[in-house]
Each structure stands twice: as C-alpha cells, then as structure tokens.
C-alpha atoms as a PDB file:
ATOM      1  CA  MET A   1     112.866 124.168  90.943  1.00  0.00           C
ATOM      2  CA  ALA A   2     115.022 123.555  87.868  1.00  0.00           C
ATOM      3  CA  LEU A   3     115.930 120.012  86.896  1.00  0.00           C
ATOM      4  CA  LYS A   4     119.169 118.744  88.366  1.00  0.00           C
ATOM      5  CA  ILE A   5     120.577 115.351  87.396  1.00  0.00           C
ATOM      6  CA  SER A   6     123.410 113.993  89.502  1.00  0.00           C
ATOM      7  CA  TYR A   7     125.620 110.925  89.429  1.00  0.00           C
ATOM      8  CA  VAL A   8     124.966 108.362  92.174  1.00  0.00           C
ATOM      9  CA  SER A   9     126.957 105.239  91.296  1.00  0.00           C
ATOM     10  CA  GLU A  10     127.963 102.705  88.673  1.00  0.00           C
ATOM     11  CA  ASP A  11     127.755  98.984  89.243  1.00  0.00           C
ATOM     12  CA  ALA A  12     127.860  96.076  86.771  1.00  0.00           C
ATOM     13  CA  GLY A  13     127.568  98.437  83.806  1.00  0.00           C
ATOM     14  CA  VAL A  14     124.502 100.251  85.141  1.00  0.00           C
ATOM     15  CA  VAL A  15     124.880 103.947  85.905  1.00  0.00           C
ATOM     16  CA  THR A  16     122.489 105.234  88.558  1.00  0.00           C
ATOM     17  CA  LEU A  17     121.551 108.896  88.303  1.00  0.00           C
ATOM     18  CA  CYS A  18     119.201 110.975  90.437  1.00  0.00           C
ATOM     19  CA  ALA A  19     116.819 113.608  89.031  1.00  0.00           C
ATOM     20  CA  GLU A  20     115.483 116.407  91.215  1.00  0.00           C
ATOM     21  CA  GLY A  21     113.155 119.297  90.522  1.00  0.00           C
ATOM     22  CA  GLU A  22     110.789 119.785  87.618  1.00  0.00           C
ATOM     23  CA  ILE A  23     111.245 118.535  84.063  1.00  0.00           C
ATOM     24  CA  THR A  24     110.101 121.429  81.872  1.00  0.00           C
ATOM     25  CA  ALA A  25     110.875 123.155  78.571  1.00  0.00           C
ATOM     26  CA  THR A  26     113.511 125.234  80.351  1.00  0.00           C
ATOM     27  CA  ASP A  27     115.488 122.123  81.298  1.00  0.00           C
ATOM     28  CA  THR A  28     115.014 120.067  78.138  1.00  0.00           C
ATOM     29  CA  PRO A  29     115.587 122.272  75.092  1.00  0.00           C
ATOM     30  CA  ILE A  30     114.694 120.581  71.801  1.00  0.00           C
ATOM     31  CA  GLY A  31     117.868 119.828  69.870  1.00  0.00           C
ATOM     32  CA  GLY A  32     119.939 121.016  72.802  1.00  0.00           C
ATOM     33  CA  LEU A  33     122.492 119.275  74.958  1.00  0.00           C
ATOM     34  CA  SER A  34     121.082 116.282  76.824  1.00  0.00           C
ATOM     35  CA  PRO A  35     121.173 116.713  80.602  1.00  0.00           C
ATOM     36  CA  PHE A  36     122.932 113.308  80.647  1.00  0.00           C
ATOM     37  CA  GLN A  37     125.861 114.442  78.476  1.00  0.00           C
ATOM     38  CA  PRO A  38     127.706 116.634  81.031  1.00  0.00           C
ATOM     39  CA  ILE A  39     127.686 113.705  83.473  1.00  0.00           C
ATOM     40  CA  LEU A  40     128.323 110.760  81.138  1.00  0.00           C
ATOM     41  CA  GLY A  41     130.052 112.319  78.143  1.00  0.00           C
ATOM     42  CA  GLN A  42     129.400 112.219  74.417  1.00  0.00           C
ATOM     43  CA  ALA A  43     128.383 108.523  74.353  1.00  0.00           C
ATOM     44  CA  TRP A  44     125.750 108.874  77.121  1.00  0.00           C
ATOM     45  CA  ASN A  45     123.075 107.198  75.019  1.00  0.00           C
ATOM     46  CA  GLY A  46     125.058 103.988  74.639  1.00  0.00           C
ATOM     47  CA  ARG A  47     124.983 103.348  78.392  1.00  0.00           C
ATOM     48  CA  ARG A  48     122.516 101.563  80.686  1.00  0.00           C
ATOM     49  CA  ILE A  49     120.961 104.250  82.890  1.00  0.00           C
ATOM     50  CA  LEU A  50     118.790 103.823  85.958  1.00  0.00           C
ATOM     51  CA  LEU A  51     117.209 107.185  86.763  1.00  0.00           C
ATOM     52  CA  ASP A  52     115.870 107.809  90.280  1.00  0.00           C
ATOM     53  CA  MET A  53     112.800 110.013  89.803  1.00  0.00           C
ATOM     54  CA  SER A  54     111.841 110.312  93.479  1.00  0.00           C
ATOM     55  CA  GLY A  55     112.859 113.976  93.497  1.00  0.00           C
ATOM     56  CA  VAL A  56     110.858 114.964  90.398  1.00  0.00           C
ATOM     57  CA  SER A  57     107.622 116.643  91.431  1.00  0.00           C
ATOM     58  CA  TYR A  58     106.378 117.845  88.038  1.00  0.00           C
ATOM     59  CA  ILE A  59     106.791 117.141  84.322  1.00  0.00           C
ATOM     60  CA  ASP A  60     105.285 119.199  81.508  1.00  0.00           C
ATOM     61  CA  SER A  61     104.648 118.323  77.862  1.00  0.00           C
ATOM     62  CA  SER A  62     108.178 119.368  76.875  1.00  0.00           C
ATOM     63  CA  GLY A  63     109.568 117.087  79.567  1.00  0.00           C
ATOM     64  CA  ILE A  64     107.480 114.223  78.229  1.00  0.00           C
ATOM     65  CA  GLY A  65     108.765 114.968  74.729  1.00  0.00           C
ATOM     66  CA  TRP A  66     112.294 114.950  76.121  1.00  0.00           C
ATOM     67  CA  LEU A  67     111.738 111.519  77.714  1.00  0.00           C
ATOM     68  CA  ILE A  68     110.441 110.120  74.420  1.00  0.00           C
ATOM     69  CA  GLY A  69     113.327 111.634  72.447  1.00  0.00           C
ATOM     70  CA  THR A  70     115.823 110.417  75.024  1.00  0.00           C
ATOM     71  CA  GLN A  71     114.428 106.891  74.818  1.00  0.00           C
ATOM     72  CA  LYS A  72     114.766 107.022  71.003  1.00  0.00           C
ATOM     73  CA  ALA A  73     118.393 108.149  71.386  1.00  0.00           C
ATOM     74  CA  PHE A  74     119.091 105.265  73.777  1.00  0.00           C
ATOM     75  CA  ARG A  75     117.551 102.731  71.389  1.00  0.00           C
ATOM     76  CA  ALA A  76     119.456 104.109  68.394  1.00  0.00           C
ATOM     77  CA  ALA A  77     122.793 103.884  70.218  1.00  0.00           C
ATOM     78  CA  GLY A  78     122.168 100.549  71.944  1.00  0.00           C
ATOM     79  CA  GLY A  79     121.716 102.045  75.394  1.00  0.00           C
ATOM     80  CA  LYS A  80     118.919 101.449  77.883  1.00  0.00           C
ATOM     81  CA  LEU A  81     116.925 103.658  80.231  1.00  0.00           C
ATOM     82  CA  ALA A  82     114.735 102.724  83.192  1.00  0.00           C
ATOM     83  CA  LEU A  83     113.044 104.992  85.728  1.00  0.00           C
ATOM     84  CA  HIS A  84     112.412 104.136  89.350  1.00  0.00           C
ATOM     85  CA  SER A  85     110.661 105.666  92.353  1.00  0.00           C
ATOM     86  CA  VAL A  86     108.508 107.944  90.198  1.00  0.00           C
ATOM     87  CA  GLN A  87     106.295 110.171  92.356  1.00  0.00           C
ATOM     88  CA  PRO A  88     102.583 109.279  92.140  1.00  0.00           C
ATOM     89  CA  GLN A  89     101.405 112.367  90.232  1.00  0.00           C
ATOM     90  CA  VAL A  90     104.210 112.060  87.662  1.00  0.00           C
ATOM     91  CA  HIS A  91     103.723 108.278  87.422  1.00  0.00           C
ATOM     92  CA  GLN A  92      99.994 108.753  86.831  1.00  0.00           C
ATOM     93  CA  LEU A  93     100.621 111.174  83.960  1.00  0.00           C
ATOM     94  CA  LEU A  94     103.304 109.006  82.344  1.00  0.00           C
ATOM     95  CA  GLY A  95     101.069 105.949  82.714  1.00  0.00           C
ATOM     96  CA  LEU A  96      98.078 107.773  81.236  1.00  0.00           C
ATOM     97  CA  LEU A  97     100.218 108.592  78.199  1.00  0.00           C
ATOM     98  CA  LYS A  98     101.400 104.951  78.051  1.00  0.00           C
ATOM     99  CA  LEU A  99     105.059 105.934  78.447  1.00  0.00           C
ATOM    100  CA  ASP A 100     105.449 102.973  80.775  1.00  0.00           C
ATOM    101  CA  ARG A 101     105.203 100.842  77.624  1.00  0.00           C
ATOM    102  CA  ILE A 102     108.362 102.333  76.128  1.00  0.00           C
ATOM    103  CA  ILE A 103     110.341 103.256  79.251  1.00  0.00           C
ATOM    104  CA  PRO A 104     110.391 100.782  82.141  1.00  0.00           C
ATOM    105  CA  MET A 105     109.123 102.400  85.358  1.00  0.00           C
ATOM    106  CA  THR A 106     109.655 100.474  88.573  1.00  0.00           C
ATOM    107  CA  GLU A 107     108.961 100.990  92.252  1.00  0.00           C
ATOM    108  CA  SER A 108     112.574 100.545  93.401  1.00  0.00           C
ATOM    109  CA  ALA A 109     116.180 100.663  92.248  1.00  0.00           C
ATOM    110  CA  ALA A 110     116.441  96.875  92.562  1.00  0.00           C
ATOM    111  CA  ALA A 111     113.419  96.372  90.303  1.00  0.00           C
ATOM    112  CA  GLY A 112     114.878  98.918  87.878  1.00  0.00           C
ATOM    113  CA  ARG A 113     118.119  96.934  87.672  1.00  0.00           C
ATOM    114  CA  GLU A 114     116.083  93.802  86.922  1.00  0.00           C
ATOM    115  CA  ALA A 115     114.182  95.658  84.195  1.00  0.00           C
ATOM    116  CA  LEU A 116     117.452  96.812  82.601  1.00  0.00           C
ATOM    117  CA  ALA A 117     118.826  93.262  82.763  1.00  0.00           C
ATOM    118  CA  ALA A 118     115.665  91.971  81.063  1.00  0.00           C
ATOM    119  CA  LEU A 119     116.055  94.553  78.296  1.00  0.00           C
ATOM    120  CA  VAL A 120     119.619  93.388  77.656  1.00  0.00           C
ATOM    121  CA  ALA A 121     118.457  89.773  77.474  1.00  0.00           C
ATOM    122  CA  VAL A 122     115.854  90.583  74.800  1.00  0.00           C
END
C-alpha cells in the first residue's frame, strides 16, 4: 500500500500527522516534493511534527534515506520531528540502524510531545 500522510491535529505548536502504508522509493523520490509539503506548505521543515507511525508496516532503504534527509531538512530550518507508535518490525530496523539516535521514537503520542518539548529546550 502506498504511503499516505494525513493531518490529525495541531496543538501548542505541534502538528500531529499520521502515516499509513509502506515507505518506499515510490513514495519518497530523491530530490522530489516532500510528502509533508502538500499538507503543511512550503515551510514544512520549520515546524514541530509528531508523526504517528502505527500504520506503517514496511520501510525500505529509500524510505530510510528519506527519513534521514527529512531530519536534516528539519534541523537546517529549525524544525523538529519525532515518531511515535512505530510498529515492531519497523522499529527494530530503525533501531538497528541507530536512527533512534537522530530521530526521537516514542511509544505514544504523549511521549512524543515530551520528546519534542525536550528538543526545543536544548
């Protein structure tokens, strides 16, 4: 199933989005339009984003590259990204690659909000 990112809510400057499907080369073209841009506009990478990953069942190497590139874009623009509710098989892969060191991954939305708040305080 193709990646679909949808808007959930915005509260206290944190935008919650929900990802569903698979994150693959088809959905994350290198140098292409970020899947966040149609939802959040041109300045998407300057925002604080909490991404619900509970609906993502698979991520390939291109998807991992997209996550790394997206995190770099957030850092460059002063934005923040945190993932929550990552499915076990996806979490295991991201953890094995140590992506949890550059992108906060939490068990719940509440913990994700706390992680984003901690990043702002740093």
